[in-house]
Protein backbone atom coordinates (compact mmCIF):
# COMPACT_ATOMS: atom_id res chain seq x y z
CA MET A 1 139.64 78.61 106.06
CA PHE A 2 137.03 80.60 108.05
CA ILE A 3 135.42 83.89 107.05
CA GLU A 4 133.33 86.37 109.14
CA VAL A 5 129.81 86.84 108.30
CA LEU A 6 126.86 88.76 109.59
CA LYS A 7 125.21 86.67 112.44
CA SER A 8 122.72 88.99 113.78
CA LYS A 9 121.66 92.67 113.61
CA ILE A 10 119.40 94.78 115.53
CA HIS A 11 118.36 97.50 112.83
CA ARG A 12 117.96 101.10 114.32
CA VAL A 13 117.34 101.44 117.94
CA LYS A 14 117.55 104.41 120.15
CA ILE A 15 120.09 105.10 122.64
CA THR A 16 118.31 105.14 126.15
CA GLN A 17 121.16 105.97 128.24
CA ALA A 18 124.82 106.57 128.36
CA GLU A 19 126.91 105.85 131.37
CA LEU A 20 130.45 107.18 131.26
CA HIS A 21 131.69 105.96 134.79
CA TYR A 22 130.98 102.20 134.12
CA VAL A 23 133.23 99.42 133.47
CA GLY A 24 132.46 99.25 129.63
CA SER A 25 130.17 97.57 127.14
CA ILE A 26 126.53 97.96 125.85
CA THR A 27 123.46 96.97 128.11
CA LEU A 28 120.60 95.69 125.97
CA ASP A 29 116.82 94.79 126.65
CA GLU A 30 116.89 91.10 127.08
CA ASP A 31 114.05 90.60 124.71
CA LEU A 32 116.11 92.42 121.93
CA MET A 33 118.95 90.06 122.74
CA ASP A 34 116.87 86.95 122.37
CA ALA A 35 115.12 87.98 119.21
CA ALA A 36 118.29 88.89 117.45
CA ASN A 37 120.17 85.74 118.76
CA ILE A 38 122.85 87.83 120.67
CA VAL A 39 124.16 86.32 124.01
CA GLU A 40 125.43 88.10 126.99
CA ASN A 41 129.17 88.94 126.63
CA GLU A 42 129.04 88.63 122.94
CA LYS A 43 131.30 91.04 120.96
CA VAL A 44 129.26 93.48 118.82
CA GLN A 45 130.00 96.42 116.61
CA ILE A 46 127.93 99.49 116.98
CA VAL A 47 127.20 101.86 114.17
CA ASN A 48 125.87 105.33 115.01
CA ILE A 49 123.53 106.60 112.16
CA HIS A 50 123.78 110.22 113.76
CA ASN A 51 127.48 110.90 113.80
CA GLY A 52 129.10 107.97 111.84
CA GLU A 53 131.06 106.59 115.02
CA ARG A 54 131.69 102.72 114.94
CA LEU A 55 132.96 100.88 117.88
CA GLU A 56 133.19 97.49 119.11
CA THR A 57 132.25 96.17 122.60
CA TYR A 58 130.55 93.43 124.45
CA VAL A 59 126.92 92.73 125.54
CA ILE A 60 125.53 93.08 129.14
CA LYS A 61 121.85 91.87 129.70
CA GLY A 62 119.47 94.54 130.59
CA LEU A 63 116.02 94.38 132.08
CA ARG A 64 113.39 92.35 129.85
CA GLY A 65 110.96 94.37 128.26
CA SER A 66 112.59 97.79 129.32
CA GLY A 67 113.75 98.90 125.69
CA GLU A 68 117.01 99.82 127.46
CA VAL A 69 119.90 100.42 124.99
CA CYS A 70 122.72 101.89 127.14
CA LEU A 71 126.47 102.60 125.99
CA ASN A 72 128.73 102.16 129.16
CA GLY A 73 132.19 103.32 129.94
CA PRO A 74 134.32 105.24 127.17
CA ALA A 75 131.82 104.11 124.54
CA ALA A 76 129.31 106.47 126.15
CA ARG A 77 131.55 109.40 124.47
CA LYS A 78 130.56 107.95 120.95
CA ALA A 79 126.73 108.54 121.29
CA GLN A 80 123.95 110.67 122.97
CA VAL A 81 120.62 109.63 124.35
CA GLY A 82 118.48 109.63 121.48
CA ASP A 83 120.98 108.68 118.66
CA ILE A 84 119.95 105.82 116.33
CA ILE A 85 122.35 102.90 116.27
CA ILE A 86 122.57 99.67 114.62
CA ILE A 87 123.88 96.75 116.54
CA ILE A 88 126.00 93.96 114.76
CA SER A 89 127.49 90.70 115.55
CA TYR A 90 129.35 88.38 113.28
CA ALA A 91 130.39 84.46 113.14
CA SER A 92 133.25 82.89 111.97
CA MET A 93 132.34 80.18 109.43
CA THR A 94 134.04 78.29 106.47
CA PRO A 95 132.74 79.10 103.09
CA GLU A 96 130.59 75.86 102.98
CA GLU A 97 128.68 76.84 106.28
CA THR A 98 127.83 80.16 104.82
CA LYS A 99 125.73 78.59 101.97
CA SER A 100 123.00 77.37 104.33
CA HIS A 101 123.64 80.44 106.93
CA LYS A 102 120.70 82.78 107.51
CA PRO A 103 121.52 86.00 109.53
CA VAL A 104 118.84 87.25 112.13
CA VAL A 105 117.92 90.82 111.50
CA ILE A 106 115.19 92.54 113.75
CA PHE A 107 113.42 95.75 113.38
CA PRO A 108 112.49 97.14 116.72
CA ASP A 109 109.83 100.22 116.87
CA ASP A 110 110.91 103.71 117.92
CA LYS A 111 110.42 102.55 121.45
CA ASN A 112 112.92 99.72 121.02
CA LYS A 113 110.08 97.08 121.20
CA LEU A 114 109.54 94.35 119.02
CA PRO A 115 106.55 94.49 116.66
CA GLN A 116 103.72 92.37 117.80
């Protein structure tokens, strides 16, 4: 049996852009992806602090060091530039594996940069 558990979380980043006419996804600064152990094309859940919206999409690499957090395609209707979101990824594990699993949680600053 497998269960889904928290793998990674980017806690409270600001939407910098919303591109409705795009194929879909969320574009993230590659520094944020690396720090949170999230890979390109990984499925993530987006939780919007401002309006309560929740959605699932996949990640596209953004420019490293840019602070970019851009919702693309239909997801762009779920948030506005300036909204604060949480980005969550999950992993499937056996109950035994969960005993040693430690999720990665990062807390970027108000400019979507990692604390130094």
